[in-house]
Structures are given as structure tokens and as C-alpha cells.
Amino acid sequence: MAEHKHGEMDITTQKKTFDGFVTFTVRSVVVIAVLVVLLALVGA
């Protein structure tokens, strides 16, 4: 079995995926908040 050495794995892809997930989540929350405010103003 290979010996694990901390910090040697290339995590570039994982970082890009996580950054994309965070960006998507933040944008989704903003869109949902705007929709909720618009619905409250329209009275639907």
C-alpha cells in the first residue's frame, strides 16, 4: 500500500469545483431573495 504524504495531491480540480458550487449557491440565494421580495411587493 502506498504511503500517504500530506500536501502532495493536486487539488486544482476540486478547488475549481468547490468555487463553482459556492458561486452557484450564492447566486441562487440572491435570485430567490429577489423573487421573494418581488412576490411580497406584488402581493401574489
C-alpha atoms as a PDB file:
ATOM      1  CA  MET A   1       0.000   0.000   0.000  1.00  0.00           C
ATOM      2  CA  ALA A   2       1.326   3.442  -0.903  1.00  0.00           C
ATOM      3  CA  GLU A   3       2.457   5.773   1.827  1.00  0.00           C
ATOM      4  CA  HIS A   4       0.294   8.891   2.130  1.00  0.00           C
ATOM      5  CA  LYS A   5       2.202  12.172   2.207  1.00  0.00           C
ATOM      6  CA  HIS A   6       0.194  15.194   3.303  1.00  0.00           C
ATOM      7  CA  GLY A   7       0.001  18.033   0.782  1.00  0.00           C
ATOM      8  CA  GLU A   8       1.198  16.213  -2.341  1.00  0.00           C
ATOM      9  CA  MET A   9      -2.144  15.671  -4.066  1.00  0.00           C
ATOM     10  CA  ASP A  10      -3.114  18.038  -6.887  1.00  0.00           C
ATOM     11  CA  ILE A  11      -6.428  19.534  -5.775  1.00  0.00           C
ATOM     12  CA  THR A  12      -6.852  22.091  -8.578  1.00  0.00           C
ATOM     13  CA  THR A  13      -9.964  20.385  -9.947  1.00  0.00           C
ATOM     14  CA  GLN A  14     -11.518  20.045  -6.510  1.00  0.00           C
ATOM     15  CA  LYS A  15     -10.895  23.727  -5.749  1.00  0.00           C
ATOM     16  CA  LYS A  16     -12.488  24.799  -9.043  1.00  0.00           C
ATOM     17  CA  THR A  17     -15.493  22.571  -8.373  1.00  0.00           C
ATOM     18  CA  PHE A  18     -15.919  23.940  -4.841  1.00  0.00           C
ATOM     19  CA  ASP A  19     -15.556  27.552  -6.029  1.00  0.00           C
ATOM     20  CA  GLY A  20     -18.169  26.908  -8.714  1.00  0.00           C
ATOM     21  CA  PHE A  21     -20.512  25.369  -6.155  1.00  0.00           C
ATOM     22  CA  VAL A  22     -20.150  28.333  -3.798  1.00  0.00           C
ATOM     23  CA  THR A  23     -20.709  30.805  -6.646  1.00  0.00           C
ATOM     24  CA  PHE A  24     -23.808  28.908  -7.812  1.00  0.00           C
ATOM     25  CA  THR A  25     -25.187  28.768  -4.269  1.00  0.00           C
ATOM     26  CA  VAL A  26     -24.668  32.476  -3.604  1.00  0.00           C
ATOM     27  CA  ARG A  27     -26.251  33.475  -6.906  1.00  0.00           C
ATOM     28  CA  SER A  28     -29.192  31.144  -6.301  1.00  0.00           C
ATOM     29  CA  VAL A  29     -29.817  32.595  -2.855  1.00  0.00           C
ATOM     30  CA  VAL A  30     -29.729  36.138  -4.261  1.00  0.00           C
ATOM     31  CA  VAL A  31     -32.196  35.243  -7.042  1.00  0.00           C
ATOM     32  CA  ILE A  32     -34.542  33.546  -4.581  1.00  0.00           C
ATOM     33  CA  ALA A  33     -34.378  36.535  -2.223  1.00  0.00           C
ATOM     34  CA  VAL A  34     -35.208  38.932  -5.067  1.00  0.00           C
ATOM     35  CA  LEU A  35     -38.128  36.751  -6.121  1.00  0.00           C
ATOM     36  CA  VAL A  36     -39.465  36.646  -2.558  1.00  0.00           C
ATOM     37  CA  VAL A  37     -39.260  40.445  -2.299  1.00  0.00           C
ATOM     38  CA  LEU A  38     -40.995  40.871  -5.662  1.00  0.00           C
ATOM     39  CA  LEU A  39     -43.755  38.471  -4.638  1.00  0.00           C
ATOM     40  CA  ALA A  40     -44.209  40.385  -1.387  1.00  0.00           C
ATOM     41  CA  LEU A  41     -44.464  43.704  -3.254  1.00  0.00           C
ATOM     42  CA  VAL A  42     -46.904  42.372  -5.865  1.00  0.00           C
ATOM     43  CA  GLY A  43     -48.993  40.621  -3.234  1.00  0.00           C
ATOM     44  CA  ALA A  44     -49.278  37.325  -5.046  1.00  0.00           C
END
